[in-house]
Amino acid sequence: MASPTSAPEFDHVVVGGGTAGAVVAARLSEDPDVSVCLLEAGPSDVDDDDILVLERWMALLESGYDWDYPVEPQVNGNSFLRHARARVLGGCSSHNSCIAFWAPAEDLDGWAAAGCTGWSAADCFPLYRRLENNDAPGDHHGRSGPVRLRTVPPRDPCGRALLEACAEAGIPTTPFNTGTTVVRGADWFQINARPDGTRSSASVSYLHPVLGRRPNLEVRTGVRARRLLFSGDGRCTGAEYLEPDVVHTSAVTARGEVIVSCGAIDSPKLLMLSGIGPGGHLRDVGVDVRVDAPGVGSHLQDHPEGVIMWEAKQPMVTTSTQWWEIGIFADTVPGLDRPDLMFHYGSVPFDLNTYRQGYPTSDNAFSLTPNVTQARSRGTVRLRSRDFRDKPMVDPRYFTHEHDIRVMTYGLRLARDIVSRAPMTDWAGAELAPGPGCTSDDELFAYVRDTHNTVYHPAGTVRMGADDDPDSPLDARLRVKGVRGLRVADASVMPLLTTVNPCITTMMIGEKCADMVKADAAGSG
């Protein structure tokens, strides 16, 4: 292996230029006296319409911009499933459908109650306000933040009919992001996108305006982190990475802190490659143990997603903001303070996992995708070997908890109920998948097991928690326990995955991490 070459020293190094990392780097470099180096394995998204034009997002799946992680064989789930993880500046905010939600207050208050002091709704809602420029009404919304949030215009006639059908089924049209949690309601999404159709990703919003304009911010793309570096006294001093020529190795060092923001799959991978993780597993793959942290790579959570698809009787729309414009929330049992079931409505066919199983498809179709918002199945991320180039072993263990099976089968039946209503009569043709003959609990779940997807929301694999919680690798200030000078900021830190799409919350985590790094630096000064 090549020896690390000398590299300039910075005040802070951010490893991963994704949804949170872009935010951290931009906020820390606002002070011209603070130098920041941002390392990103993927290419830049600047002037790349394949990334920037939101309507094209589905073409990014399994593309060169996707790490495209397979899952380990699933006992109760779809073993063909791929976890799309973005390989580009901006991370998954440059790769996803840009559905934009504030997390429910109940989610954040639950984090605080679990030992994450400073993460309650009262603590975090001001950060959503700071980051957004929102066109929705309400004094709680921000109007001058870097991230443009706007409500999807109601142009899709099938979508308008679907909302009428939802209302007939007892799911009223209810706007999102009002500050009140929608337990049972449906509406057009808010999306983080500009009126011209450009995604308002973390990179577009935070980095593009300052690239080349801040001499104290250096963004290195096409560099892949191999491991973190430590001094003899246990302080993280930087990161070693593979140069874009994929031959030579370099390193970058930090006088202050290193912040890992590689996402819920690659952050635990990098920590484990650096000796921080479950001791037995690290020894098995030949990595020296620096900190025996069993919570690293554990507690993997996700939103598993089914699909039910109909052929459309009329031509579906041919243009869209991002093709998945409506959300539906429902409660499957009484008394919930948050919905346990969510649907995304797509004005397109979604046969990514059904076609290989023999189900018919159509170019002119629409879909509902029930997902389990508070799934109880838990999985793991583990190293395949000590080689940083190997893809990690991702084992979500989908549907290994009965709760998830019950909610998903309930969702398929509720979708049929909604679409059977009169407002959808002129739109709903033949049910293509799973088909009207699939009715019993066993039949519905057999279909789900073979064909389900994910909403691509892995989280919780380097979770924060109380100082005395040995199963939480981070404290409430996102510091890695057992070492100094190292934090993690991305969806991996969530003690519980948000009920809703987590992208904007991940940006909020970046905002809060930057605040904490600044505050701690000021305190030490």
Protein backbone atom coordinates (compact mmCIF):
# COMPACT_ATOMS: atom_id res chain seq x y z
CA MET A 1 0.00 0.00 0.00
CA ALA A 2 1.26 3.46 -0.86
CA SER A 3 2.24 5.72 2.01
CA PRO A 4 0.11 8.82 2.55
CA THR A 5 1.59 11.88 0.93
CA SER A 6 1.85 15.11 2.84
CA ALA A 7 -1.24 17.31 2.61
CA PRO A 8 -2.16 20.74 3.91
CA GLU A 9 -3.69 20.88 7.33
CA PHE A 10 -7.16 22.34 7.85
CA ASP A 11 -9.13 23.36 10.89
CA HIS A 12 -11.83 20.79 10.07
CA VAL A 13 -12.17 17.88 7.67
CA VAL A 14 -15.59 16.68 6.52
CA VAL A 15 -15.59 13.19 5.03
CA GLY A 16 -18.57 12.87 2.70
CA GLY A 17 -20.16 15.70 0.74
CA GLY A 18 -23.72 14.43 0.98
CA THR A 19 -27.00 15.64 2.40
CA ALA A 20 -25.51 16.53 5.80
CA GLY A 21 -21.82 16.84 4.90
CA ALA A 22 -22.43 19.62 2.38
CA VAL A 23 -24.30 21.54 5.07
CA VAL A 24 -21.57 21.04 7.68
CA ALA A 25 -18.79 22.15 5.33
CA ALA A 26 -20.70 25.21 4.14
CA ARG A 27 -21.67 26.36 7.62
CA LEU A 28 -18.25 25.79 9.20
CA SER A 29 -16.54 27.72 6.38
CA GLU A 30 -18.78 30.78 6.86
CA ASP A 31 -16.06 32.04 9.20
CA PRO A 32 -13.21 33.12 6.89
CA ASP A 33 -10.72 32.33 9.65
CA VAL A 34 -11.78 28.65 9.74
CA SER A 35 -10.41 26.37 7.00
CA VAL A 36 -12.45 23.34 5.90
CA CYS A 37 -11.65 20.46 3.56
CA LEU A 38 -14.56 18.45 2.18
CA LEU A 39 -13.85 15.00 0.75
CA GLU A 40 -16.38 13.42 -1.64
CA ALA A 41 -15.95 10.08 -3.39
CA GLY A 42 -18.23 10.96 -6.27
CA PRO A 43 -18.03 13.64 -8.95
CA SER A 44 -19.29 17.20 -8.72
CA ASP A 45 -22.90 17.90 -9.70
CA VAL A 46 -22.13 21.39 -11.01
CA ASP A 47 -23.63 21.88 -14.50
CA ASP A 48 -24.65 18.21 -14.64
CA ASP A 49 -28.28 18.13 -15.77
CA ASP A 50 -28.49 14.39 -15.22
CA ILE A 51 -28.31 15.27 -11.54
CA LEU A 52 -29.78 18.75 -11.37
CA VAL A 53 -33.01 18.20 -13.34
CA LEU A 54 -35.28 16.67 -10.73
CA GLU A 55 -37.69 15.09 -13.21
CA ARG A 56 -34.89 12.72 -14.30
CA TRP A 57 -34.24 11.27 -10.83
CA MET A 58 -35.42 7.72 -11.53
CA ALA A 59 -32.73 7.33 -14.20
CA LEU A 60 -30.12 7.68 -11.46
CA LEU A 61 -31.05 4.35 -9.86
CA GLU A 62 -28.38 1.73 -10.63
CA SER A 63 -26.46 4.32 -12.67
CA GLY A 64 -22.84 5.42 -12.39
CA TYR A 65 -23.95 7.88 -9.72
CA ASP A 66 -25.17 5.04 -7.50
CA TRP A 67 -23.10 2.84 -5.17
CA ASP A 68 -25.90 0.32 -5.85
CA TYR A 69 -25.57 -1.85 -2.76
CA PRO A 70 -27.18 -5.29 -2.88
CA VAL A 71 -28.78 -6.65 0.25
CA GLU A 72 -27.80 -9.91 1.86
CA PRO A 73 -30.25 -12.79 1.25
CA GLN A 74 -33.49 -11.98 3.07
CA VAL A 75 -35.44 -14.63 4.95
CA ASN A 76 -38.69 -12.66 4.78
CA GLY A 77 -37.94 -10.08 2.13
CA ASN A 78 -36.88 -9.39 -1.44
CA SER A 79 -33.30 -10.57 -1.86
CA PHE A 80 -33.05 -8.87 -5.28
CA LEU A 81 -33.46 -5.45 -3.71
CA ARG A 82 -30.77 -2.82 -4.24
CA HIS A 83 -30.03 0.04 -1.86
CA ALA A 84 -29.41 3.14 -3.94
CA ARG A 85 -26.76 5.30 -2.26
CA ALA A 86 -25.63 8.38 -4.11
CA ARG A 87 -22.11 8.70 -5.47
CA VAL A 88 -22.09 12.43 -6.22
CA LEU A 89 -21.69 15.77 -4.47
CA GLY A 90 -24.88 16.40 -2.51
CA GLY A 91 -25.31 12.72 -1.73
CA CYS A 92 -28.82 11.35 -1.74
CA SER A 93 -30.26 14.87 -1.91
CA SER A 94 -28.74 14.90 -5.42
CA HIS A 95 -30.23 11.50 -6.20
CA ASN A 96 -33.70 11.30 -4.65
CA SER A 97 -37.18 12.60 -5.45
CA CYS A 98 -36.78 15.63 -3.14
CA ILE A 99 -39.88 14.98 -1.02
CA ALA A 100 -39.54 17.52 1.78
CA PHE A 101 -40.84 17.07 5.32
CA TRP A 102 -40.23 18.52 8.72
CA ALA A 103 -40.06 15.56 11.10
CA PRO A 104 -43.09 15.26 13.39
CA ALA A 105 -42.57 16.91 16.76
CA GLU A 106 -43.35 13.54 18.34
CA ASP A 107 -40.35 11.96 16.55
CA LEU A 108 -37.92 14.59 17.79
CA ASP A 109 -39.33 14.65 21.31
CA GLY A 110 -38.88 10.89 21.33
CA TRP A 111 -35.20 11.34 20.47
CA ALA A 112 -34.78 13.73 23.39
CA ALA A 113 -36.63 11.40 25.76
CA ALA A 114 -34.28 8.57 24.73
CA GLY A 115 -31.26 10.48 26.01
CA CYS A 116 -30.49 12.79 23.08
CA THR A 117 -30.49 16.03 25.02
CA GLY A 118 -30.91 19.06 22.77
CA TRP A 119 -32.81 17.26 19.99
CA SER A 120 -36.42 17.95 20.98
CA ALA A 121 -38.84 19.62 18.57
CA ALA A 122 -38.34 22.89 20.43
CA ASP A 123 -34.59 22.57 19.81
CA CYS A 124 -34.80 21.44 16.18
CA PHE A 125 -37.74 23.29 14.63
CA PRO A 126 -35.77 26.58 14.53
CA LEU A 127 -33.15 24.78 12.41
CA TYR A 128 -35.75 23.75 9.82
CA ARG A 129 -36.83 27.38 9.73
CA ARG A 130 -33.20 28.47 9.25
CA LEU A 131 -32.53 26.14 6.35
CA GLU A 132 -35.71 26.64 4.32
CA ASN A 133 -37.21 29.18 1.97
CA ASN A 134 -40.77 27.82 1.97
CA ASP A 135 -43.74 28.93 -0.14
CA ALA A 136 -46.32 27.41 2.25
CA PRO A 137 -48.30 29.62 4.64
CA GLY A 138 -47.47 29.77 8.34
CA ASP A 139 -45.42 31.95 10.62
CA HIS A 140 -43.31 28.93 11.59
CA HIS A 141 -41.79 28.66 8.11
CA GLY A 142 -38.48 30.14 7.04
CA ARG A 143 -38.44 32.48 4.05
CA SER A 144 -34.75 33.19 3.57
CA GLY A 145 -32.89 29.90 4.02
CA PRO A 146 -30.75 28.27 1.34
CA VAL A 147 -33.12 25.34 0.61
CA ARG A 148 -36.09 26.17 -1.58
CA LEU A 149 -39.23 24.26 -0.50
CA ARG A 150 -42.37 24.53 -2.59
CA THR A 151 -45.72 22.79 -2.77
CA VAL A 152 -46.32 20.59 -5.81
CA PRO A 153 -48.85 22.27 -8.12
CA PRO A 154 -52.04 20.18 -8.51
CA ARG A 155 -51.75 19.62 -12.26
CA ASP A 156 -52.16 15.83 -12.45
CA PRO A 157 -55.87 15.01 -13.02
CA CYS A 158 -55.47 11.41 -11.83
CA GLY A 159 -53.84 12.76 -8.67
CA ARG A 160 -56.75 15.15 -8.11
CA ALA A 161 -59.17 12.25 -8.47
CA LEU A 162 -57.11 10.19 -6.04
CA LEU A 163 -57.35 12.89 -3.35
CA GLU A 164 -61.13 12.95 -3.81
CA ALA A 165 -61.20 9.18 -3.44
CA CYS A 166 -59.08 9.40 -0.30
CA ALA A 167 -61.58 11.84 1.20
CA GLU A 168 -64.41 9.39 0.45
CA ALA A 169 -62.39 6.71 2.25
CA GLY A 170 -62.08 8.88 5.35
CA ILE A 171 -58.64 10.34 4.59
CA PRO A 172 -59.20 14.08 4.18
CA THR A 173 -57.07 16.42 2.11
CA THR A 174 -54.68 17.89 4.69
CA PRO A 175 -51.64 20.07 3.94
CA PHE A 176 -48.22 18.94 5.16
CA ASN A 177 -45.52 20.83 7.09
CA THR A 178 -48.03 22.93 9.01
CA GLY A 179 -46.44 22.20 12.38
CA THR A 180 -49.15 19.65 13.26
CA THR A 181 -48.55 15.94 12.65
CA VAL A 182 -50.83 14.45 10.00
CA VAL A 183 -52.00 11.09 11.35
CA ARG A 184 -54.68 10.56 8.72
CA GLY A 185 -54.61 12.78 5.65
CA ALA A 186 -53.43 13.17 2.06
CA ASP A 187 -52.15 15.99 -0.11
CA TRP A 188 -49.65 17.13 -2.69
CA PHE A 189 -46.12 16.93 -1.35
CA GLN A 190 -43.75 19.72 -0.67
CA ILE A 191 -40.48 19.25 -2.53
CA ASN A 192 -37.06 20.85 -2.22
CA ALA A 193 -36.83 22.11 -5.78
CA ARG A 194 -36.75 25.39 -7.62
CA PRO A 195 -39.61 26.55 -9.87
CA ASP A 196 -37.51 25.76 -12.98
CA GLY A 197 -37.28 22.08 -11.97
CA THR A 198 -33.75 22.20 -10.56
CA ARG A 199 -33.41 20.18 -7.38
CA SER A 200 -32.59 22.23 -4.28
CA SER A 201 -30.18 19.62 -2.98
CA ALA A 202 -27.69 20.19 -0.19
CA SER A 203 -24.98 20.82 -2.77
CA VAL A 204 -27.06 23.19 -4.91
CA SER A 205 -28.34 25.04 -1.85
CA TYR A 206 -25.24 25.22 0.34
CA LEU A 207 -22.16 24.64 -1.79
CA HIS A 208 -22.83 25.98 -5.29
CA PRO A 209 -23.17 29.60 -4.14
CA VAL A 210 -19.75 29.52 -2.43
CA LEU A 211 -17.63 27.20 -4.61
CA GLY A 212 -14.60 29.15 -5.76
CA ARG A 213 -15.60 32.11 -3.63
CA ARG A 214 -14.30 30.93 -0.25
CA PRO A 215 -10.55 30.42 -0.18
CA ASN A 216 -10.97 28.72 3.21
CA LEU A 217 -13.17 25.93 1.73
CA GLU A 218 -11.55 23.22 -0.38
CA VAL A 219 -13.83 20.62 -1.97
CA ARG A 220 -12.06 17.52 -3.26
CA THR A 221 -14.23 15.25 -5.42
CA GLY A 222 -13.41 11.80 -6.75
CA VAL A 223 -11.50 10.92 -3.57
CA ARG A 224 -12.54 7.82 -1.65
CA ALA A 225 -11.87 7.56 2.07
CA ARG A 226 -9.88 4.49 3.09
CA ARG A 227 -9.70 5.03 6.84
CA LEU A 228 -9.57 7.66 9.54
CA LEU A 229 -6.25 8.64 11.11
CA PHE A 230 -5.54 8.89 14.85
CA SER A 231 -2.77 10.20 17.03
CA GLY A 232 -1.25 8.13 19.82
CA ASP A 233 -3.49 9.76 22.41
CA GLY A 234 -6.68 8.72 20.62
CA ARG A 235 -7.53 11.94 18.80
CA CYS A 236 -8.82 11.69 15.24
CA THR A 237 -6.38 13.71 13.16
CA GLY A 238 -7.68 13.28 9.62
CA ALA A 239 -8.47 10.84 6.86
CA GLU A 240 -6.57 8.79 4.34
CA TYR A 241 -8.06 8.58 0.87
CA LEU A 242 -7.58 7.17 -2.60
CA GLU A 243 -6.74 9.80 -5.19
CA PRO A 244 -8.88 10.17 -8.34
CA ASP A 245 -6.25 8.22 -10.29
CA VAL A 246 -7.29 5.21 -8.10
CA VAL A 247 -3.59 4.39 -7.66
CA HIS A 248 -2.14 6.82 -5.16
CA THR A 249 -3.09 7.40 -1.55
CA SER A 250 -3.08 10.79 0.19
CA ALA A 251 -4.15 12.13 3.53
CA VAL A 252 -5.63 15.30 4.93
CA THR A 253 -5.29 16.37 8.54
CA ALA A 254 -7.38 18.48 10.90
CA ARG A 255 -6.27 20.75 13.71
CA GLY A 256 -9.82 20.75 15.02
CA GLU A 257 -12.38 18.06 14.24
CA VAL A 258 -13.15 15.40 11.67
CA ILE A 259 -16.83 14.99 10.79
CA VAL A 260 -17.89 11.77 9.04
CA SER A 261 -20.95 12.28 6.83
CA CYS A 262 -20.90 9.26 4.53
CA GLY A 263 -24.48 8.10 5.12
CA ALA A 264 -26.14 5.31 7.03
CA ILE A 265 -24.29 2.58 5.14
CA ASP A 266 -20.87 4.09 4.49
CA SER A 267 -20.39 5.94 7.79
CA PRO A 268 -20.44 2.72 9.84
CA LYS A 269 -18.28 1.12 7.16
CA LEU A 270 -15.61 3.84 7.48
CA LEU A 271 -15.71 3.71 11.27
CA MET A 272 -15.26 -0.07 11.23
CA LEU A 273 -12.41 0.15 8.70
CA SER A 274 -10.82 2.57 11.19
CA GLY A 275 -11.16 0.17 14.12
CA ILE A 276 -14.37 1.53 15.68
CA GLY A 277 -17.12 -1.07 15.77
CA PRO A 278 -18.11 -4.50 17.12
CA GLY A 279 -14.84 -5.96 18.35
CA GLY A 280 -15.49 -9.55 17.38
CA HIS A 281 -16.51 -8.65 13.86
CA LEU A 282 -13.51 -6.37 13.34
CA ARG A 283 -11.13 -9.09 14.49
CA ASP A 284 -12.84 -11.59 12.17
CA VAL A 285 -12.07 -9.41 9.12
CA GLY A 286 -8.58 -8.49 10.25
CA VAL A 287 -9.09 -4.92 11.49
CA ASP A 288 -7.34 -3.86 14.68
CA VAL A 289 -9.86 -2.80 17.31
CA ARG A 290 -9.51 0.79 18.48
CA VAL A 291 -12.92 1.09 20.17
CA ASP A 292 -15.20 -1.90 20.76
CA ALA A 293 -18.49 -0.22 19.83
CA PRO A 294 -21.21 -2.82 19.24
CA GLY A 295 -23.70 -0.19 18.07
CA VAL A 296 -21.69 0.73 14.97
CA GLY A 297 -23.42 -0.89 12.01
CA SER A 298 -26.28 -2.14 14.19
CA HIS A 299 -29.91 -1.01 14.52
CA LEU A 300 -30.32 -0.52 10.76
CA GLN A 301 -33.80 0.83 10.13
CA ASP A 302 -35.62 1.60 6.90
CA HIS A 303 -39.03 2.27 5.38
CA PRO A 304 -39.90 -0.93 3.49
CA GLU A 305 -42.16 -0.23 0.53
CA GLY A 306 -44.68 -2.34 -1.32
CA VAL A 307 -46.32 -1.51 -4.62
CA ILE A 308 -49.78 -1.89 -6.07
CA MET A 309 -50.24 -0.82 -9.68
CA TRP A 310 -53.15 -0.21 -12.03
CA GLU A 311 -53.36 0.26 -15.76
CA ALA A 312 -54.83 3.69 -16.46
CA LYS A 313 -57.96 4.11 -18.55
CA GLN A 314 -56.89 7.57 -19.70
CA PRO A 315 -53.48 8.88 -20.73
CA MET A 316 -51.39 9.72 -17.71
CA VAL A 317 -49.46 12.98 -17.47
CA THR A 318 -46.34 13.25 -19.61
CA THR A 319 -44.56 15.86 -17.48
CA SER A 320 -44.20 16.11 -13.71
CA THR A 321 -42.15 17.73 -11.00
CA GLN A 322 -40.75 14.30 -10.05
CA TRP A 323 -43.53 11.74 -10.81
CA TRP A 324 -44.32 10.99 -7.13
CA GLU A 325 -46.34 14.01 -6.13
CA ILE A 326 -48.90 12.91 -3.50
CA GLY A 327 -48.56 11.45 -0.04
CA ILE A 328 -51.21 9.58 1.95
CA PHE A 329 -50.93 8.94 5.69
CA ALA A 330 -53.08 6.55 7.69
CA ASP A 331 -53.28 4.89 11.09
CA THR A 332 -53.91 1.15 11.14
CA VAL A 333 -54.94 1.02 14.80
CA PRO A 334 -56.69 3.68 16.89
CA GLY A 335 -54.94 6.04 19.25
CA LEU A 336 -51.67 6.68 17.41
CA ASP A 337 -49.97 10.07 17.66
CA ARG A 338 -48.19 9.45 14.34
CA PRO A 339 -49.22 7.51 11.23
CA ASP A 340 -47.87 4.00 10.96
CA LEU A 341 -48.64 3.76 7.23
CA MET A 342 -47.74 6.06 4.34
CA PHE A 343 -48.27 5.88 0.59
CA HIS A 344 -46.51 7.63 -2.25
CA TYR A 345 -48.64 8.04 -5.37
CA GLY A 346 -46.75 7.69 -8.65
CA SER A 347 -48.16 8.79 -12.00
CA VAL A 348 -45.93 6.16 -13.59
CA PRO A 349 -45.60 2.37 -13.64
CA PHE A 350 -43.35 1.01 -10.93
CA ASP A 351 -42.34 -2.48 -12.03
CA LEU A 352 -38.77 -2.37 -10.72
CA ASN A 353 -39.35 -5.52 -8.64
CA THR A 354 -42.62 -6.93 -10.05
CA TYR A 355 -41.74 -7.55 -13.68
CA ARG A 356 -39.08 -10.18 -12.95
CA GLN A 357 -41.68 -12.09 -10.93
CA GLY A 358 -44.02 -12.36 -13.92
CA TYR A 359 -46.49 -9.56 -13.17
CA PRO A 360 -47.78 -7.59 -16.18
CA THR A 361 -46.82 -4.00 -16.73
CA SER A 362 -47.88 -1.06 -18.88
CA ASP A 363 -46.39 2.19 -20.09
CA ASN A 364 -49.62 3.93 -19.04
CA ALA A 365 -50.13 3.09 -15.38
CA PHE A 366 -50.18 4.57 -11.89
CA SER A 367 -48.98 3.19 -8.59
CA LEU A 368 -49.48 3.42 -4.84
CA THR A 369 -46.57 2.36 -2.67
CA PRO A 370 -47.54 1.57 0.94
CA ASN A 371 -44.62 1.85 3.33
CA VAL A 372 -44.23 1.07 7.01
CA THR A 373 -43.35 4.38 8.66
CA GLN A 374 -42.28 2.92 12.01
CA ALA A 375 -40.90 -0.44 11.00
CA ARG A 376 -39.73 -2.59 13.89
CA SER A 377 -37.41 -4.91 11.97
CA ARG A 378 -33.74 -4.15 12.59
CA GLY A 379 -30.76 -5.03 10.48
CA THR A 380 -27.00 -4.57 10.26
CA VAL A 381 -24.20 -3.16 8.15
CA ARG A 382 -20.98 -5.15 8.33
CA LEU A 383 -17.64 -5.24 6.53
CA ARG A 384 -17.23 -7.80 3.81
CA SER A 385 -13.48 -7.61 4.32
CA ARG A 386 -10.81 -5.17 5.50
CA ASP A 387 -10.56 -3.82 1.92
CA PHE A 388 -12.25 -0.41 1.69
CA ARG A 389 -13.11 -1.12 -1.96
CA ASP A 390 -15.42 -4.00 -1.10
CA LYS A 391 -19.10 -3.25 -0.82
CA PRO A 392 -20.36 -3.66 2.74
CA MET A 393 -22.74 -6.40 3.80
CA VAL A 394 -26.14 -4.75 4.12
CA ASP A 395 -28.73 -6.93 5.86
CA PRO A 396 -31.94 -4.98 6.59
CA ARG A 397 -33.77 -8.13 7.79
CA TYR A 398 -36.97 -6.84 6.25
CA PHE A 399 -40.27 -8.09 7.69
CA THR A 400 -38.66 -10.06 10.49
CA HIS A 401 -41.09 -8.32 12.86
CA GLU A 402 -44.78 -9.21 12.60
CA HIS A 403 -45.80 -5.56 12.98
CA ASP A 404 -44.27 -4.69 9.61
CA ILE A 405 -46.11 -7.52 7.86
CA ARG A 406 -49.44 -6.47 9.36
CA VAL A 407 -49.06 -2.80 8.40
CA MET A 408 -47.98 -3.61 4.85
CA THR A 409 -50.84 -6.00 4.12
CA TYR A 410 -53.26 -3.48 5.65
CA GLY A 411 -51.80 -0.91 3.26
CA LEU A 412 -52.43 -3.01 0.17
CA ARG A 413 -56.06 -3.47 1.16
CA LEU A 414 -56.48 0.23 1.95
CA ALA A 415 -55.01 1.15 -1.45
CA ARG A 416 -57.62 -1.04 -3.14
CA ASP A 417 -60.37 0.56 -1.06
CA ILE A 418 -59.26 4.07 -2.06
CA VAL A 419 -58.93 3.29 -5.77
CA SER A 420 -62.30 1.49 -5.83
CA ARG A 421 -64.06 4.76 -4.93
CA ALA A 422 -66.16 6.64 -7.48
CA PRO A 423 -63.71 9.49 -8.15
CA MET A 424 -61.23 6.95 -9.56
CA THR A 425 -63.74 5.18 -11.83
CA ASP A 426 -62.52 7.00 -14.93
CA TRP A 427 -58.86 6.24 -14.15
CA ALA A 428 -58.45 2.78 -12.64
CA GLY A 429 -58.30 -0.04 -15.14
CA ALA A 430 -56.97 -3.51 -14.49
CA GLU A 431 -54.93 -4.07 -11.34
CA LEU A 432 -51.59 -5.19 -12.75
CA ALA A 433 -49.84 -6.14 -9.52
CA PRO A 434 -50.52 -8.00 -7.36
CA GLY A 435 -53.80 -8.53 -9.26
CA PRO A 436 -57.36 -8.97 -8.01
CA GLY A 437 -56.91 -12.68 -7.30
CA CYS A 438 -54.42 -11.96 -4.52
CA THR A 439 -56.63 -11.45 -1.44
CA SER A 440 -55.71 -13.50 1.63
CA ASP A 441 -53.14 -12.41 4.21
CA ASP A 442 -50.80 -15.19 3.11
CA GLU A 443 -51.17 -14.34 -0.58
CA LEU A 444 -50.64 -10.63 -0.01
CA PHE A 445 -47.53 -11.14 2.06
CA ALA A 446 -46.09 -13.72 -0.34
CA TYR A 447 -46.41 -11.02 -3.02
CA VAL A 448 -44.79 -8.41 -0.77
CA ARG A 449 -41.95 -10.74 0.18
CA ASP A 450 -41.07 -11.31 -3.47
CA THR A 451 -41.55 -7.79 -4.85
CA HIS A 452 -41.18 -5.14 -2.18
CA ASN A 453 -38.74 -2.30 -2.50
CA THR A 454 -37.39 0.31 -0.09
CA VAL A 455 -38.02 4.05 0.07
CA TYR A 456 -34.20 4.25 0.35
CA HIS A 457 -34.23 5.59 3.91
CA PRO A 458 -31.59 3.62 5.86
CA ALA A 459 -30.85 5.16 9.26
CA GLY A 460 -29.75 4.48 12.82
CA THR A 461 -26.50 2.62 12.20
CA VAL A 462 -24.32 5.00 14.28
CA ARG A 463 -27.01 6.25 16.58
CA MET A 464 -26.64 8.93 19.21
CA GLY A 465 -27.80 8.36 22.76
CA ALA A 466 -27.13 8.98 26.40
CA ASP A 467 -23.54 9.14 27.58
CA ASP A 468 -23.96 5.92 29.55
CA ASP A 469 -25.67 3.94 26.76
CA PRO A 470 -23.08 1.41 25.57
CA ASP A 471 -25.17 0.55 22.50
CA SER A 472 -25.17 4.13 21.19
CA PRO A 473 -21.78 4.91 19.59
CA LEU A 474 -22.38 8.69 19.73
CA ASP A 475 -23.26 11.07 22.51
CA ALA A 476 -25.96 13.68 22.04
CA ARG A 477 -23.42 16.09 20.56
CA LEU A 478 -22.66 13.57 17.80
CA ARG A 479 -19.20 12.83 19.22
CA VAL A 480 -17.88 9.29 18.79
CA LYS A 481 -17.44 7.76 22.22
CA GLY A 482 -14.00 6.44 23.06
CA VAL A 483 -12.01 8.83 20.86
CA ARG A 484 -11.61 12.60 20.56
CA GLY A 485 -12.03 15.01 17.68
CA LEU A 486 -14.50 12.86 15.73
CA ARG A 487 -18.21 13.32 15.06
CA VAL A 488 -20.77 11.77 12.73
CA ALA A 489 -23.52 13.76 11.02
CA ASP A 490 -25.98 12.07 8.67
CA ALA A 491 -29.04 9.80 8.90
CA SER A 492 -26.98 7.14 10.68
CA VAL A 493 -27.14 9.19 13.89
CA MET A 494 -30.93 8.98 14.20
CA PRO A 495 -31.90 6.95 17.28
CA LEU A 496 -35.16 6.19 15.46
CA LEU A 497 -35.88 6.83 11.81
CA THR A 498 -38.31 9.68 11.24
CA THR A 499 -41.89 8.76 10.41
CA VAL A 500 -41.61 10.76 7.18
CA ASN A 501 -39.08 11.07 4.36
CA PRO A 502 -35.87 12.06 6.20
CA CYS A 503 -33.90 14.17 3.70
CA ILE A 504 -34.69 17.61 5.15
CA THR A 505 -34.14 16.27 8.67
CA THR A 506 -30.71 15.05 7.56
CA MET A 507 -29.93 18.60 6.40
CA MET A 508 -31.15 19.79 9.80
CA ILE A 509 -28.71 17.36 11.45
CA GLY A 510 -25.94 19.00 9.40
CA GLU A 511 -27.03 22.42 10.62
CA LYS A 512 -27.03 21.29 14.23
CA CYS A 513 -23.69 19.52 13.93
CA ALA A 514 -22.07 22.70 12.58
CA ASP A 515 -23.54 24.68 15.46
CA MET A 516 -22.12 22.22 17.97
CA VAL A 517 -18.66 22.15 16.40
CA LYS A 518 -18.58 25.97 16.45
CA ALA A 519 -19.80 26.13 20.04
CA ASP A 520 -17.31 23.55 21.28
CA ALA A 521 -14.45 25.25 19.43
CA ALA A 522 -15.40 28.56 21.03
CA GLY A 523 -15.58 26.92 24.44
CA SER A 524 -12.17 25.33 24.08
CA GLY A 525 -10.75 28.62 22.88
